[in-house]
Amino acid sequence: MGRRGMRRPPGARSAAGQLRLLYATPRYLPEIGGVEQHVHEVATRLRARGAAVTVVTTDRSGELAPVELLEGVEVRRVPAHPRGADWCIAPGIARTVRRGEWDLVHVQSYHTFVAPLAMASAARAAIPYVLTFHGGGHTQQARNAGRRAQRAALRPLLARARALIAVAGFEVEEYSRELRLPRERFALIPNGVDLPPPPPGVSPRPPGEGPLIASVGRLERYKGHHRVIAALPHLRAAEPDARVWIAGSGPYEPELRRLAQSLGVADAVEISAVPASERAEMSRRLSEAGVVVLLSDFETHPIAALEAVSLGRPLLVADGSGLRELAQRGLARSIDAGAAPQALADAILRELRDSLERGPVQLPSWDDCADALLELYERVLA
């Protein structure tokens, strides 16, 4: 990698004409989450389309390899402070941006210090950059309440981006108005879904077993898994063998287990994650669910919900943010996230016995997402 004074002109390609992309993201595989999966899915596909893709991310544990090749994508991990927290103060992000000969830097999510570090460094080095918001919630209410101020503080850097990318329609309208930036500066590129079909014979209610309710997402309080557990005793009054699968990993797991124990349903609650690379297993497990629920306080365009729809599973979501969009499109039924456990149990029971009739569903694939991003890159670099 050359010194700053030896940098190729912005937008210039390598001798082979290869597009050189740097993805700057707070977390990446083997950590599991929506942004992590999004980056993995598009980075591997863009590499297959001939781009040279490098991912720079943080390692808050200090236990992961600093450099690794994952499915042809180079992953560089830099230390983040404070250790174990999700602020991601990582000076190594800035160094990686400055010292590379990138055609474009794509910043993924704005919630941590990764975004301003990457954008400011790209601006100083005259490297074009774009940002995908990946708007999401947080367990700490103070962090949620501060999102608007956070976006306002980032506005000077956001205004210099070549494009601002939303994965849900409401983000375009809301952020354009809030940031006082023209709507044409925004691009809508939704998440994709590419789960393989389940194996033959997989049934949502095998003989002799009760219905399975799946709640999918990282184990944080704002994801709402505790609401499903709280509803389970009421659900079992009508369906004595009903079970819950909390599909994810994260710091809220001990609290979820304690809640299940205190309600006397620990034997009917499974908490386990499916690795992001095991797509066939995820397809099998979701296909066994009688109902998939997502009761997050905030979601943008949740991949788990799209995957449930693609498998034909009944879907019950919280009535808010990007989840509401799914209900408005007729892909799910919705319920207030603060509904009482009995009301939630009744709503789940309704989905088990009289699920929503969906017409033909056309969902974007990850190939669609990668193609749209590549087209955007070519346009902003032209």
Protein backbone atom coordinates (compact mmCIF):
# COMPACT_ATOMS: atom_id res chain seq x y z
CA MET A 1 0.00 0.00 0.00
CA GLY A 2 1.42 3.34 -1.03
CA ARG A 3 1.93 6.49 0.98
CA ARG A 4 -0.72 9.17 0.77
CA GLY A 5 1.36 11.21 -1.68
CA MET A 6 1.58 8.23 -4.04
CA ARG A 7 -2.15 7.53 -4.08
CA ARG A 8 -3.89 6.96 -7.38
CA PRO A 9 -6.48 9.61 -8.27
CA PRO A 10 -9.86 8.96 -6.63
CA GLY A 11 -11.93 6.61 -8.74
CA ALA A 12 -8.90 5.36 -10.66
CA ARG A 13 -8.87 1.60 -11.03
CA SER A 14 -6.04 -0.87 -10.60
CA ALA A 15 -4.10 -1.89 -13.70
CA ALA A 16 -6.51 -4.80 -14.09
CA GLY A 17 -9.51 -2.46 -13.89
CA GLN A 18 -10.64 -4.11 -10.66
CA LEU A 19 -12.92 -2.15 -8.34
CA ARG A 20 -11.26 -1.86 -4.94
CA LEU A 21 -13.82 -1.64 -2.15
CA LEU A 22 -13.32 -1.15 1.57
CA TYR A 23 -16.27 -2.04 3.80
CA ALA A 24 -16.01 -0.40 7.23
CA THR A 25 -18.36 -2.06 9.71
CA PRO A 26 -18.48 -2.26 13.52
CA ARG A 27 -18.80 -6.06 13.67
CA TYR A 28 -18.35 -8.95 11.28
CA LEU A 29 -18.37 -12.72 11.28
CA PRO A 30 -18.09 -14.81 13.41
CA GLU A 31 -20.29 -12.35 15.31
CA ILE A 32 -23.93 -12.73 14.32
CA GLY A 33 -26.43 -10.01 13.48
CA GLY A 34 -28.30 -8.34 10.66
CA VAL A 35 -25.53 -5.94 9.61
CA GLU A 36 -22.95 -8.71 9.84
CA GLN A 37 -25.01 -10.93 7.57
CA HIS A 38 -25.75 -8.10 5.12
CA VAL A 39 -22.05 -7.26 4.74
CA HIS A 40 -21.10 -10.92 4.35
CA GLU A 41 -23.77 -11.60 1.74
CA VAL A 42 -22.97 -8.63 -0.47
CA ALA A 43 -19.18 -8.70 -0.01
CA THR A 44 -18.90 -12.32 -1.16
CA ARG A 45 -21.19 -11.66 -4.15
CA LEU A 46 -19.32 -8.53 -5.19
CA ARG A 47 -16.09 -10.48 -5.04
CA ALA A 48 -17.67 -13.07 -7.34
CA ARG A 49 -18.49 -10.19 -9.71
CA GLY A 50 -14.81 -9.25 -9.93
CA ALA A 51 -14.42 -6.61 -7.21
CA ALA A 52 -11.61 -6.71 -4.68
CA VAL A 53 -13.42 -6.41 -1.33
CA THR A 54 -11.74 -5.81 2.01
CA VAL A 55 -13.69 -5.62 5.27
CA VAL A 56 -12.26 -3.61 8.14
CA THR A 57 -14.01 -4.19 11.45
CA THR A 58 -13.38 -4.12 15.17
CA ASP A 59 -12.44 -6.84 17.60
CA ARG A 60 -13.81 -5.95 21.03
CA SER A 61 -12.72 -9.26 22.51
CA GLY A 62 -9.05 -9.22 21.55
CA GLU A 63 -9.38 -12.91 20.69
CA LEU A 64 -10.01 -12.90 16.92
CA ALA A 65 -7.45 -13.10 14.12
CA PRO A 66 -6.25 -9.62 13.05
CA VAL A 67 -6.29 -10.68 9.39
CA GLU A 68 -8.34 -13.48 7.90
CA LEU A 69 -9.58 -14.58 4.48
CA LEU A 70 -13.27 -15.57 4.58
CA GLU A 71 -14.72 -16.86 1.31
CA GLY A 72 -12.25 -14.78 -0.66
CA VAL A 73 -12.90 -11.57 1.29
CA GLU A 74 -9.99 -10.16 3.29
CA VAL A 75 -11.09 -9.26 6.81
CA ARG A 76 -8.96 -6.90 8.90
CA ARG A 77 -9.81 -6.55 12.57
CA VAL A 78 -8.56 -3.67 14.70
CA PRO A 79 -8.76 -3.23 18.49
CA ALA A 80 -11.75 -1.31 19.86
CA HIS A 81 -12.18 0.53 23.12
CA PRO A 82 -13.55 0.23 25.70
CA ARG A 83 -13.08 -3.53 25.66
CA GLY A 84 -16.36 -5.38 25.47
CA ALA A 85 -18.50 -2.27 24.90
CA ASP A 86 -20.15 -1.38 21.60
CA TRP A 87 -18.84 2.18 21.22
CA CYS A 88 -16.13 0.84 18.86
CA ILE A 89 -13.58 3.60 19.35
CA ALA A 90 -11.04 2.14 16.95
CA PRO A 91 -8.23 4.36 15.56
CA GLY A 92 -7.20 1.44 13.38
CA ILE A 93 -10.26 2.09 11.22
CA ALA A 94 -8.87 5.51 10.26
CA ARG A 95 -5.41 4.11 9.55
CA THR A 96 -6.82 1.37 7.32
CA VAL A 97 -8.83 3.90 5.31
CA ARG A 98 -5.87 6.28 4.89
CA ARG A 99 -3.26 3.71 4.00
CA GLY A 100 -5.18 1.77 1.39
CA GLU A 101 -5.65 2.47 -2.30
CA TRP A 102 -9.41 2.17 -2.31
CA ASP A 103 -11.70 3.30 -5.09
CA LEU A 104 -14.59 3.56 -2.65
CA VAL A 105 -15.21 3.21 1.07
CA HIS A 106 -18.64 1.85 2.06
CA VAL A 107 -19.49 2.60 5.69
CA GLN A 108 -21.99 0.16 7.20
CA SER A 109 -24.25 1.56 9.97
CA TYR A 110 -23.84 4.89 11.75
CA HIS A 111 -24.36 3.87 15.39
CA THR A 112 -20.75 3.63 16.61
CA PHE A 113 -17.51 5.55 16.27
CA VAL A 114 -16.63 3.45 13.22
CA ALA A 115 -18.79 5.65 10.97
CA PRO A 116 -17.27 9.07 11.77
CA LEU A 117 -13.75 7.63 11.83
CA ALA A 118 -14.18 6.02 8.42
CA MET A 119 -16.00 8.95 6.81
CA ALA A 120 -13.63 11.63 8.13
CA SER A 121 -10.58 9.62 7.08
CA ALA A 122 -11.98 9.03 3.60
CA ALA A 123 -12.81 12.72 3.24
CA ARG A 124 -9.28 13.76 4.27
CA ALA A 125 -7.76 11.27 1.84
CA ALA A 126 -10.11 12.36 -0.99
CA ILE A 127 -11.57 8.87 -1.28
CA PRO A 128 -15.25 8.69 -2.30
CA TYR A 129 -17.50 7.10 0.29
CA VAL A 130 -21.09 5.99 0.74
CA LEU A 131 -22.99 4.97 3.87
CA THR A 132 -25.78 2.49 4.60
CA PHE A 133 -27.72 3.54 7.71
CA HIS A 134 -28.93 0.13 8.96
CA GLY A 135 -31.04 2.04 11.47
CA GLY A 136 -31.63 -0.12 14.53
CA GLY A 137 -32.46 -0.16 18.20
CA HIS A 138 -30.41 -0.49 21.35
CA THR A 139 -30.99 -1.97 24.78
CA GLN A 140 -30.07 1.32 26.50
CA GLN A 141 -32.96 3.75 26.11
CA ALA A 142 -30.59 6.71 26.36
CA ARG A 143 -28.81 5.47 23.24
CA ASN A 144 -32.13 5.15 21.40
CA ALA A 145 -33.17 8.64 22.51
CA GLY A 146 -29.87 10.05 21.26
CA ARG A 147 -30.09 8.67 17.71
CA ARG A 148 -31.52 11.89 16.30
CA ALA A 149 -28.76 13.97 17.88
CA GLN A 150 -26.23 11.45 16.64
CA ARG A 151 -27.43 11.81 13.05
CA ALA A 152 -27.39 15.60 13.41
CA ALA A 153 -23.77 15.50 14.60
CA LEU A 154 -22.85 13.34 11.62
CA ARG A 155 -24.65 15.56 9.11
CA PRO A 156 -21.51 17.36 7.78
CA LEU A 157 -19.94 13.98 6.97
CA LEU A 158 -23.20 12.51 5.67
CA ALA A 159 -23.60 15.52 3.38
CA ARG A 160 -20.21 14.74 1.77
CA ALA A 161 -21.10 11.11 1.04
CA ARG A 162 -21.57 10.24 -2.61
CA ALA A 163 -24.76 8.40 -1.67
CA LEU A 164 -26.75 7.51 1.43
CA ILE A 165 -28.30 4.05 1.32
CA ALA A 166 -31.46 2.95 3.11
CA VAL A 167 -32.71 -0.62 3.44
CA ALA A 168 -36.30 0.44 4.24
CA GLY A 169 -38.54 3.06 2.68
CA PHE A 170 -39.27 4.95 5.90
CA GLU A 171 -35.55 5.71 6.32
CA VAL A 172 -35.44 7.65 3.04
CA GLU A 173 -38.36 9.89 3.97
CA GLU A 174 -37.40 10.37 7.61
CA TYR A 175 -33.67 10.95 7.20
CA SER A 176 -34.00 13.16 4.13
CA ARG A 177 -36.36 15.45 6.03
CA GLU A 178 -34.43 15.34 9.29
CA LEU A 179 -30.99 15.92 7.75
CA ARG A 180 -32.25 18.50 5.24
CA LEU A 181 -30.65 16.60 2.39
CA PRO A 182 -32.29 16.15 -1.03
CA ARG A 183 -34.15 12.92 -1.50
CA GLU A 184 -32.10 12.18 -4.64
CA ARG A 185 -29.03 11.79 -2.42
CA PHE A 186 -30.63 8.64 -1.00
CA ALA A 187 -30.88 5.19 -2.58
CA LEU A 188 -33.24 2.44 -1.42
CA ILE A 189 -31.56 -0.97 -1.60
CA PRO A 190 -33.38 -3.52 0.59
CA ASN A 191 -31.84 -6.56 2.22
CA GLY A 192 -32.10 -9.81 0.32
CA VAL A 193 -33.16 -13.32 1.18
CA ASP A 194 -31.67 -16.51 -0.24
CA LEU A 195 -32.49 -19.35 2.14
CA PRO A 196 -32.42 -22.75 0.45
CA PRO A 197 -35.67 -24.73 0.52
CA PRO A 198 -36.09 -26.96 3.58
CA PRO A 199 -35.43 -30.69 3.30
CA PRO A 200 -38.39 -32.85 2.24
CA GLY A 201 -40.66 -33.90 5.08
CA VAL A 202 -39.96 -30.96 7.39
CA SER A 203 -43.21 -30.09 9.14
CA PRO A 204 -44.17 -27.09 11.30
CA ARG A 205 -45.95 -29.47 13.67
CA PRO A 206 -44.49 -33.00 13.71
CA PRO A 207 -46.81 -35.71 15.02
CA GLY A 208 -46.81 -35.86 18.81
CA GLU A 209 -45.16 -32.47 19.27
CA GLY A 210 -46.61 -29.10 20.18
CA PRO A 211 -46.27 -26.00 18.01
CA LEU A 212 -42.95 -24.20 17.91
CA ILE A 213 -42.80 -20.41 18.13
CA ALA A 214 -39.52 -18.94 16.85
CA SER A 215 -38.24 -15.52 17.97
CA VAL A 216 -35.19 -14.62 15.92
CA GLY A 217 -32.51 -12.02 16.60
CA ARG A 218 -29.53 -11.05 18.67
CA LEU A 219 -30.09 -11.50 22.41
CA GLU A 220 -30.58 -7.91 23.49
CA ARG A 221 -33.51 -6.64 25.55
CA TYR A 222 -34.81 -4.36 22.80
CA LYS A 223 -35.27 -7.38 20.52
CA GLY A 224 -38.31 -8.40 22.59
CA HIS A 225 -37.54 -12.09 23.17
CA HIS A 226 -38.64 -11.70 26.79
CA ARG A 227 -42.15 -10.85 25.60
CA VAL A 228 -42.52 -14.22 23.91
CA ILE A 229 -41.33 -16.06 27.01
CA ALA A 230 -43.77 -14.06 29.16
CA ALA A 231 -46.63 -15.06 26.84
CA LEU A 232 -45.72 -18.76 26.84
CA PRO A 233 -47.56 -19.78 30.07
CA HIS A 234 -50.75 -18.22 28.68
CA LEU A 235 -50.22 -19.88 25.30
CA ARG A 236 -49.71 -23.26 26.96
CA ALA A 237 -53.13 -22.96 28.60
CA ALA A 238 -54.54 -23.49 25.08
CA GLU A 239 -51.59 -25.41 23.60
CA PRO A 240 -50.05 -27.39 26.49
CA ASP A 241 -47.10 -28.61 24.42
CA ALA A 242 -46.20 -25.26 22.84
CA ARG A 243 -42.49 -24.52 22.73
CA VAL A 244 -40.37 -21.41 22.07
CA TRP A 245 -37.07 -21.25 20.20
CA ILE A 246 -35.08 -18.07 20.83
CA ALA A 247 -32.76 -18.07 17.82
CA GLY A 248 -29.75 -15.93 18.59
CA SER A 249 -26.83 -15.19 20.86
CA GLY A 250 -25.85 -12.18 22.92
CA PRO A 251 -25.52 -10.63 26.36
CA TYR A 252 -29.21 -10.87 27.35
CA GLU A 253 -29.20 -14.68 27.46
CA PRO A 254 -28.85 -15.06 31.27
CA GLU A 255 -31.84 -12.77 31.86
CA LEU A 256 -33.96 -14.71 29.36
CA ARG A 257 -33.08 -18.01 31.04
CA ARG A 258 -33.93 -16.60 34.47
CA LEU A 259 -37.29 -15.36 33.19
CA ALA A 260 -38.15 -18.76 31.71
CA GLN A 261 -37.17 -20.43 35.00
CA SER A 262 -39.24 -18.04 37.10
CA LEU A 263 -42.32 -18.62 34.93
CA GLY A 264 -41.92 -22.41 35.07
CA VAL A 265 -41.40 -22.82 31.31
CA ALA A 266 -37.63 -23.36 31.15
CA ASP A 267 -38.16 -26.88 29.82
CA ALA A 268 -40.16 -25.44 26.89
CA VAL A 269 -37.69 -22.69 25.92
CA GLU A 270 -34.65 -23.36 23.75
CA ILE A 271 -32.04 -20.62 23.33
CA SER A 272 -29.54 -21.34 20.58
CA ALA A 273 -28.06 -19.67 17.51
CA VAL A 274 -27.55 -21.06 14.03
CA PRO A 275 -24.16 -19.98 12.60
CA ALA A 276 -24.51 -17.48 9.76
CA SER A 277 -22.79 -19.88 7.36
CA GLU A 278 -25.30 -22.70 7.96
CA ARG A 279 -28.11 -21.46 5.76
CA ALA A 280 -29.60 -24.92 5.15
CA GLU A 281 -29.89 -25.51 8.89
CA MET A 282 -31.55 -22.12 9.37
CA SER A 283 -34.04 -23.01 6.64
CA ARG A 284 -34.83 -26.32 8.33
CA ARG A 285 -35.29 -24.80 11.78
CA LEU A 286 -37.48 -21.91 10.60
CA SER A 287 -39.60 -24.31 8.55
CA GLU A 288 -40.40 -26.21 11.75
CA ALA A 289 -41.90 -23.09 13.34
CA GLY A 290 -45.65 -22.76 13.53
CA VAL A 291 -45.22 -19.00 13.95
CA VAL A 292 -42.23 -16.67 13.68
CA VAL A 293 -42.40 -13.56 15.87
CA LEU A 294 -40.31 -10.39 15.84
CA LEU A 295 -41.26 -8.08 18.69
CA SER A 296 -38.34 -5.64 18.63
CA ASP A 297 -38.70 -2.09 19.83
CA PHE A 298 -37.05 -1.05 16.55
CA GLU A 299 -36.09 -2.79 13.32
CA THR A 300 -35.36 -1.45 9.86
CA HIS A 301 -35.67 -4.27 7.32
CA PRO A 302 -35.17 -7.45 9.35
CA ILE A 303 -33.60 -10.32 7.44
CA ALA A 304 -35.17 -12.93 9.75
CA ALA A 305 -38.65 -11.68 8.88
CA LEU A 306 -37.93 -11.87 5.15
CA GLU A 307 -36.61 -15.39 5.56
CA ALA A 308 -39.75 -16.45 7.44
CA VAL A 309 -41.92 -15.02 4.66
CA SER A 310 -39.83 -16.75 1.99
CA LEU A 311 -40.51 -20.09 3.70
CA GLY A 312 -44.24 -19.40 3.98
CA ARG A 313 -44.22 -19.17 7.77
CA PRO A 314 -46.86 -17.11 9.60
CA LEU A 315 -45.25 -13.92 10.86
CA LEU A 316 -46.27 -11.76 13.82
CA VAL A 317 -44.40 -8.48 14.28
CA ALA A 318 -44.37 -5.45 16.56
CA ASP A 319 -46.30 -2.50 15.17
CA GLY A 320 -43.50 -0.02 14.64
CA SER A 321 -40.54 1.09 12.50
CA GLY A 322 -39.65 -1.21 9.60
CA LEU A 323 -41.75 -4.06 10.99
CA ARG A 324 -44.89 -2.03 10.37
CA GLU A 325 -43.93 -1.85 6.68
CA LEU A 326 -44.11 -5.65 6.49
CA ALA A 327 -47.62 -5.62 7.93
CA GLN A 328 -48.69 -2.83 5.58
CA ARG A 329 -47.48 -4.94 2.64
CA GLY A 330 -49.63 -7.85 3.80
CA LEU A 331 -46.65 -10.01 4.74
CA ALA A 332 -47.36 -10.16 8.48
CA ARG A 333 -49.84 -9.35 11.18
CA SER A 334 -48.81 -6.81 13.80
CA ILE A 335 -49.38 -6.24 17.50
CA ASP A 336 -48.36 -3.47 19.86
CA ALA A 337 -44.96 -4.36 21.33
CA GLY A 338 -46.24 -3.45 24.79
CA ALA A 339 -49.24 -5.78 24.61
CA ALA A 340 -49.97 -7.80 27.75
CA PRO A 341 -48.69 -11.40 27.77
CA GLN A 342 -52.24 -12.75 27.47
CA ALA A 343 -52.95 -10.55 24.43
CA LEU A 344 -49.70 -11.66 22.81
CA ALA A 345 -50.54 -15.30 23.49
CA ASP A 346 -53.95 -14.78 21.86
CA ALA A 347 -52.30 -13.22 18.80
CA ILE A 348 -49.85 -16.12 18.48
CA LEU A 349 -52.69 -18.60 18.87
CA ARG A 350 -54.56 -16.85 16.07
CA GLU A 351 -51.56 -17.23 13.77
CA LEU A 352 -51.32 -20.91 14.64
CA ARG A 353 -54.98 -21.53 13.83
CA ASP A 354 -55.87 -18.90 11.26
CA SER A 355 -52.72 -17.49 9.71
CA LEU A 356 -52.72 -14.55 7.31
CA GLU A 357 -53.43 -15.39 3.68
CA ARG A 358 -50.64 -14.05 1.50
CA GLY A 359 -50.75 -13.63 -2.23
CA PRO A 360 -47.70 -14.26 -4.43
CA VAL A 361 -44.67 -12.75 -2.70
CA GLN A 362 -41.77 -11.25 -4.62
CA LEU A 363 -38.77 -10.71 -2.34
CA PRO A 364 -35.38 -9.30 -3.35
CA SER A 365 -32.47 -11.72 -3.34
CA TRP A 366 -28.96 -11.00 -2.15
CA ASP A 367 -27.92 -11.10 -5.81
CA ASP A 368 -30.41 -8.28 -6.44
CA CYS A 369 -28.88 -6.36 -3.53
CA ALA A 370 -25.31 -6.87 -4.78
CA ASP A 371 -26.25 -5.87 -8.34
CA ALA A 372 -27.95 -2.70 -7.11
CA LEU A 373 -24.91 -1.79 -5.01
CA LEU A 374 -22.52 -2.40 -7.91
CA GLU A 375 -24.64 -0.20 -10.15
CA LEU A 376 -24.62 2.51 -7.48
CA TYR A 377 -20.83 2.28 -7.09
CA GLU A 378 -20.30 2.63 -10.82
CA ARG A 379 -22.65 5.61 -10.95
CA VAL A 380 -21.05 7.55 -8.08
CA LEU A 381 -17.55 6.86 -9.40
CA ALA A 382 -18.37 7.82 -12.99
